[in-house]
N, C-alpha and C. Protein backbone atom coordinates (compact mmCIF):
# COMPACT_ATOMS: atom_id res chain seq x y z
N UNK A 1 0.84 -1.18 0.00
CA UNK A 1 0.00 0.00 0.00
C UNK A 1 0.89 1.25 0.00
N UNK A 2 0.31 2.33 -0.51
CA UNK A 2 1.01 3.61 -0.54
C UNK A 2 0.18 4.67 0.17
N UNK A 3 0.86 5.57 0.82
CA UNK A 3 0.24 6.77 1.36
C UNK A 3 0.58 7.91 0.41
N UNK A 4 -0.44 8.51 -0.15
CA UNK A 4 -0.27 9.61 -1.10
C UNK A 4 -0.80 10.88 -0.45
N UNK A 5 0.04 11.90 -0.42
CA UNK A 5 -0.35 13.20 0.12
C UNK A 5 -0.20 14.25 -0.98
N UNK A 6 -1.28 14.94 -1.26
CA UNK A 6 -1.28 16.04 -2.23
C UNK A 6 -1.53 17.34 -1.48
N UNK A 7 -0.76 18.38 -1.81
CA UNK A 7 -0.86 19.67 -1.12
C UNK A 7 -1.25 20.76 -2.11
N UNK A 8 -2.38 21.40 -1.85
CA UNK A 8 -2.96 22.39 -2.75
C UNK A 8 -3.04 23.75 -2.08
N UNK A 9 -2.37 24.75 -2.65
CA UNK A 9 -2.51 26.12 -2.16
C UNK A 9 -3.80 26.73 -2.68
N UNK A 10 -4.37 27.64 -1.90
CA UNK A 10 -5.65 28.24 -2.28
C UNK A 10 -5.55 29.68 -2.76
N UNK A 11 -4.35 30.28 -2.72
CA UNK A 11 -4.22 31.65 -3.23
C UNK A 11 -3.86 31.62 -4.71
N UNK A 12 -4.29 32.66 -5.42
CA UNK A 12 -3.98 32.82 -6.84
C UNK A 12 -3.31 34.17 -7.03
N UNK A 13 -2.39 34.26 -7.99
CA UNK A 13 -1.68 35.53 -8.17
C UNK A 13 -2.54 36.66 -8.71
N UNK A 14 -3.52 36.34 -9.54
CA UNK A 14 -4.29 37.40 -10.21
C UNK A 14 -5.79 37.23 -10.04
N UNK A 15 -6.19 36.62 -8.95
CA UNK A 15 -7.62 36.38 -8.71
C UNK A 15 -7.82 36.14 -7.22
N UNK A 16 -9.07 36.20 -6.77
CA UNK A 16 -9.33 35.87 -5.36
C UNK A 16 -8.95 34.41 -5.07
N UNK A 17 -8.82 34.10 -3.78
CA UNK A 17 -8.52 32.73 -3.38
C UNK A 17 -9.53 31.74 -3.96
N UNK A 18 -9.10 30.51 -4.12
CA UNK A 18 -10.00 29.44 -4.54
C UNK A 18 -11.13 29.36 -3.51
N UNK A 19 -12.36 29.40 -3.98
CA UNK A 19 -13.51 29.37 -3.07
C UNK A 19 -13.82 27.94 -2.65
N UNK A 20 -14.63 27.82 -1.62
CA UNK A 20 -15.05 26.49 -1.18
C UNK A 20 -15.80 25.76 -2.29
N UNK A 21 -16.65 26.48 -3.02
CA UNK A 21 -17.40 25.86 -4.12
C UNK A 21 -16.46 25.38 -5.23
N UNK A 22 -15.44 26.18 -5.56
CA UNK A 22 -14.47 25.77 -6.58
C UNK A 22 -13.68 24.55 -6.11
N UNK A 23 -13.26 24.55 -4.84
CA UNK A 23 -12.53 23.41 -4.29
C UNK A 23 -13.40 22.15 -4.32
N UNK A 24 -14.65 22.28 -3.85
CA UNK A 24 -15.55 21.13 -3.82
C UNK A 24 -15.77 20.55 -5.21
N UNK A 25 -15.93 21.42 -6.21
CA UNK A 25 -16.12 20.95 -7.59
C UNK A 25 -14.88 20.24 -8.10
N UNK A 26 -13.70 20.80 -7.82
CA UNK A 26 -12.45 20.15 -8.23
C UNK A 26 -12.32 18.78 -7.57
N UNK A 27 -12.57 18.71 -6.28
CA UNK A 27 -12.48 17.44 -5.56
C UNK A 27 -13.45 16.42 -6.15
N UNK A 28 -14.70 16.84 -6.36
CA UNK A 28 -15.74 15.94 -6.87
C UNK A 28 -15.46 15.48 -8.30
N UNK A 29 -15.02 16.39 -9.15
CA UNK A 29 -14.87 16.08 -10.58
C UNK A 29 -13.50 15.53 -10.98
N UNK A 30 -12.45 15.86 -10.22
CA UNK A 30 -11.10 15.49 -10.63
C UNK A 30 -10.44 14.48 -9.71
N UNK A 31 -10.58 14.64 -8.40
CA UNK A 31 -9.89 13.76 -7.46
C UNK A 31 -10.70 12.50 -7.15
N UNK A 32 -11.94 12.67 -6.73
CA UNK A 32 -12.76 11.54 -6.30
C UNK A 32 -12.91 10.45 -7.37
N UNK A 33 -13.11 10.78 -8.65
CA UNK A 33 -13.21 9.71 -9.65
C UNK A 33 -11.94 8.85 -9.75
N UNK A 34 -10.80 9.40 -9.38
CA UNK A 34 -9.55 8.65 -9.46
C UNK A 34 -9.27 7.85 -8.18
N UNK A 35 -9.94 8.21 -7.09
CA UNK A 35 -9.79 7.50 -5.81
C UNK A 35 -11.15 7.29 -5.16
N UNK A 36 -12.04 6.55 -5.83
CA UNK A 36 -13.40 6.39 -5.31
C UNK A 36 -13.49 5.59 -4.01
N UNK A 37 -12.45 4.84 -3.66
CA UNK A 37 -12.49 4.03 -2.44
C UNK A 37 -12.39 4.87 -1.18
N UNK A 38 -11.93 6.10 -1.30
CA UNK A 38 -11.89 6.98 -0.14
C UNK A 38 -10.65 7.84 -0.07
N UNK A 39 -10.78 8.94 0.64
CA UNK A 39 -9.69 9.89 0.85
C UNK A 39 -10.07 10.79 2.01
N UNK A 40 -9.09 11.51 2.50
CA UNK A 40 -9.33 12.50 3.56
C UNK A 40 -8.86 13.86 3.07
N UNK A 41 -9.58 14.90 3.46
CA UNK A 41 -9.21 16.27 3.13
C UNK A 41 -9.00 17.03 4.44
N UNK A 42 -7.86 17.67 4.56
CA UNK A 42 -7.52 18.45 5.74
C UNK A 42 -7.32 19.91 5.37
N UNK A 43 -7.81 20.82 6.20
CA UNK A 43 -7.51 22.23 6.03
C UNK A 43 -6.15 22.49 6.65
N UNK A 44 -5.34 23.30 5.98
CA UNK A 44 -3.98 23.54 6.46
C UNK A 44 -3.55 24.96 6.15
N UNK A 45 -2.42 25.32 6.71
CA UNK A 45 -1.75 26.58 6.39
C UNK A 45 -0.41 26.21 5.79
N UNK A 46 -0.20 26.55 4.53
CA UNK A 46 1.03 26.17 3.84
C UNK A 46 2.02 27.31 3.76
N UNK A 47 3.26 26.95 3.51
CA UNK A 47 4.33 27.93 3.33
C UNK A 47 5.27 27.42 2.25
N UNK A 48 5.68 28.30 1.34
CA UNK A 48 6.58 27.90 0.26
C UNK A 48 7.34 29.13 -0.23
N UNK A 49 8.39 28.88 -1.01
CA UNK A 49 9.19 29.97 -1.55
C UNK A 49 8.86 30.16 -3.03
N UNK A 50 8.47 31.38 -3.39
CA UNK A 50 8.13 31.71 -4.76
C UNK A 50 9.37 31.54 -5.64
N UNK A 51 9.24 30.79 -6.72
CA UNK A 51 10.37 30.52 -7.63
C UNK A 51 10.89 31.77 -8.32
N UNK A 52 9.99 32.69 -8.61
CA UNK A 52 10.37 33.88 -9.38
C UNK A 52 10.93 35.00 -8.50
N UNK A 53 10.33 35.20 -7.32
CA UNK A 53 10.74 36.34 -6.49
C UNK A 53 11.59 35.94 -5.29
N UNK A 54 11.58 34.66 -4.93
CA UNK A 54 12.30 34.21 -3.75
C UNK A 54 11.59 34.51 -2.44
N UNK A 55 10.43 35.16 -2.51
CA UNK A 55 9.66 35.50 -1.30
C UNK A 55 9.07 34.25 -0.66
N UNK A 56 8.98 34.27 0.67
CA UNK A 56 8.29 33.21 1.40
C UNK A 56 6.81 33.56 1.42
N UNK A 57 6.00 32.64 0.97
CA UNK A 57 4.55 32.84 0.86
C UNK A 57 3.86 31.92 1.86
N UNK A 58 2.91 32.47 2.60
CA UNK A 58 2.05 31.66 3.47
C UNK A 58 0.64 31.76 2.92
N UNK A 59 -0.06 30.64 2.91
CA UNK A 59 -1.40 30.65 2.34
C UNK A 59 -2.25 29.54 2.92
N UNK A 60 -3.58 29.73 2.89
CA UNK A 60 -4.46 28.64 3.26
C UNK A 60 -4.31 27.53 2.23
N UNK A 61 -4.44 26.30 2.68
CA UNK A 61 -4.19 25.15 1.81
C UNK A 61 -5.16 24.02 2.12
N UNK A 62 -5.17 23.05 1.24
CA UNK A 62 -5.89 21.80 1.47
C UNK A 62 -4.90 20.66 1.26
N UNK A 63 -4.98 19.66 2.12
CA UNK A 63 -4.17 18.45 1.99
C UNK A 63 -5.12 17.29 1.74
N UNK A 64 -4.85 16.54 0.68
CA UNK A 64 -5.62 15.34 0.39
C UNK A 64 -4.73 14.14 0.68
N UNK A 65 -5.23 13.26 1.53
CA UNK A 65 -4.51 12.05 1.93
C UNK A 65 -5.26 10.84 1.39
N UNK A 66 -4.53 9.97 0.68
CA UNK A 66 -5.11 8.76 0.10
C UNK A 66 -4.23 7.58 0.46
N UNK A 67 -4.84 6.49 0.89
CA UNK A 67 -4.14 5.22 1.06
C UNK A 67 -4.61 4.35 -0.09
N UNK A 68 -3.68 3.89 -0.92
CA UNK A 68 -4.05 3.19 -2.15
C UNK A 68 -3.01 2.14 -2.50
N UNK A 69 -3.43 1.07 -3.16
CA UNK A 69 -2.43 0.14 -3.68
C UNK A 69 -1.73 0.75 -4.89
N UNK A 70 -0.53 0.28 -5.17
CA UNK A 70 0.14 0.70 -6.40
C UNK A 70 -0.61 0.08 -7.57
N UNK A 71 -0.92 0.89 -8.56
CA UNK A 71 -1.53 0.40 -9.79
C UNK A 71 -0.77 1.01 -10.97
N UNK A 72 -0.84 0.38 -12.14
CA UNK A 72 -0.13 0.93 -13.30
C UNK A 72 -0.57 2.36 -13.66
N UNK A 73 -1.81 2.72 -13.36
CA UNK A 73 -2.30 4.05 -13.72
C UNK A 73 -2.14 5.10 -12.64
N UNK A 74 -1.53 4.75 -11.51
CA UNK A 74 -1.44 5.68 -10.38
C UNK A 74 -0.69 6.96 -10.75
N UNK A 75 0.46 6.84 -11.35
CA UNK A 75 1.26 8.04 -11.70
C UNK A 75 0.48 8.96 -12.63
N UNK A 76 -0.21 8.39 -13.60
CA UNK A 76 -1.00 9.20 -14.53
C UNK A 76 -2.13 9.92 -13.80
N UNK A 77 -2.80 9.22 -12.89
CA UNK A 77 -3.88 9.84 -12.12
C UNK A 77 -3.37 11.02 -11.30
N UNK A 78 -2.24 10.82 -10.63
CA UNK A 78 -1.67 11.89 -9.81
C UNK A 78 -1.21 13.07 -10.66
N UNK A 79 -0.59 12.79 -11.79
CA UNK A 79 -0.16 13.87 -12.70
C UNK A 79 -1.35 14.67 -13.21
N UNK A 80 -2.44 13.97 -13.54
CA UNK A 80 -3.64 14.66 -14.01
C UNK A 80 -4.20 15.57 -12.94
N UNK A 81 -4.27 15.08 -11.70
CA UNK A 81 -4.76 15.90 -10.59
C UNK A 81 -3.88 17.13 -10.41
N UNK A 82 -2.57 16.93 -10.36
CA UNK A 82 -1.64 18.05 -10.17
C UNK A 82 -1.76 19.08 -11.30
N UNK A 83 -1.71 18.60 -12.54
CA UNK A 83 -1.72 19.51 -13.69
C UNK A 83 -3.05 20.24 -13.83
N UNK A 84 -4.16 19.55 -13.58
CA UNK A 84 -5.47 20.18 -13.68
C UNK A 84 -5.61 21.30 -12.66
N UNK A 85 -5.22 21.03 -11.41
CA UNK A 85 -5.33 22.06 -10.37
C UNK A 85 -4.41 23.24 -10.68
N UNK A 86 -3.17 22.95 -11.03
CA UNK A 86 -2.20 24.02 -11.30
C UNK A 86 -2.68 24.93 -12.42
N UNK A 87 -3.20 24.35 -13.48
CA UNK A 87 -3.67 25.15 -14.61
C UNK A 87 -4.94 25.92 -14.27
N UNK A 88 -5.90 25.25 -13.66
CA UNK A 88 -7.19 25.87 -13.38
C UNK A 88 -7.08 27.02 -12.36
N UNK A 89 -6.19 26.85 -11.38
CA UNK A 89 -6.12 27.82 -10.28
C UNK A 89 -4.80 28.59 -10.22
N UNK A 90 -4.09 28.65 -11.35
CA UNK A 90 -2.89 29.48 -11.51
C UNK A 90 -1.84 29.18 -10.44
N UNK A 91 -1.51 27.91 -10.25
CA UNK A 91 -0.54 27.49 -9.25
C UNK A 91 0.80 27.18 -9.90
N UNK A 92 1.91 27.48 -9.22
CA UNK A 92 3.22 27.09 -9.72
C UNK A 92 3.41 25.58 -9.62
N UNK A 93 2.83 24.99 -8.59
CA UNK A 93 2.95 23.54 -8.43
C UNK A 93 1.91 23.04 -7.43
N UNK A 94 1.78 21.73 -7.39
CA UNK A 94 0.98 21.03 -6.38
C UNK A 94 1.91 20.02 -5.74
N UNK A 95 2.04 20.08 -4.42
CA UNK A 95 2.94 19.18 -3.72
C UNK A 95 2.45 17.74 -3.75
N UNK A 96 3.40 16.81 -3.80
CA UNK A 96 3.08 15.39 -3.83
C UNK A 96 4.12 14.62 -3.04
N UNK A 97 3.65 13.79 -2.10
CA UNK A 97 4.52 12.89 -1.34
C UNK A 97 3.92 11.50 -1.43
N UNK A 98 4.75 10.51 -1.75
CA UNK A 98 4.30 9.12 -1.82
C UNK A 98 5.22 8.30 -0.93
N UNK A 99 4.60 7.53 0.00
CA UNK A 99 5.39 6.70 0.91
C UNK A 99 4.77 5.31 0.98
N UNK A 100 5.60 4.26 1.04
CA UNK A 100 5.06 2.92 1.28
C UNK A 100 4.59 2.83 2.73
N UNK A 101 3.44 2.19 2.94
CA UNK A 101 2.89 2.05 4.29
C UNK A 101 2.27 0.66 4.47
N UNK A 102 2.11 0.29 5.71
CA UNK A 102 1.33 -0.88 6.07
C UNK A 102 0.01 -0.33 6.60
N UNK A 103 -1.10 -0.62 5.94
CA UNK A 103 -2.38 -0.03 6.33
C UNK A 103 -3.50 -1.05 6.13
N UNK A 104 -4.54 -0.91 6.93
CA UNK A 104 -5.74 -1.72 6.74
C UNK A 104 -6.95 -0.91 7.15
N UNK A 105 -8.10 -1.29 6.61
CA UNK A 105 -9.35 -0.60 6.94
C UNK A 105 -10.39 -1.63 7.28
């Protein structure tokens, strides 16, 4: 089994923050279909360094945690989630951590 953590910032450079309705739609339409067995969403406060300016940025964030078996399509699913969010909400990146775990439900 794998523990997958995705980190999504909610601020945009040229628009208001991602709204709850926008986040819910993204989760429902993009993330949930790729992980229908279940996931957890946590509200967080993120911090990162802007690639262009070097400034430290703090922003409201969402963390999606998924426990999933390795499948041949996993990397593609994760790339689609990252790229869709980054493009739709003007993000430089979406954080991703994958760790092997022993888990049961």
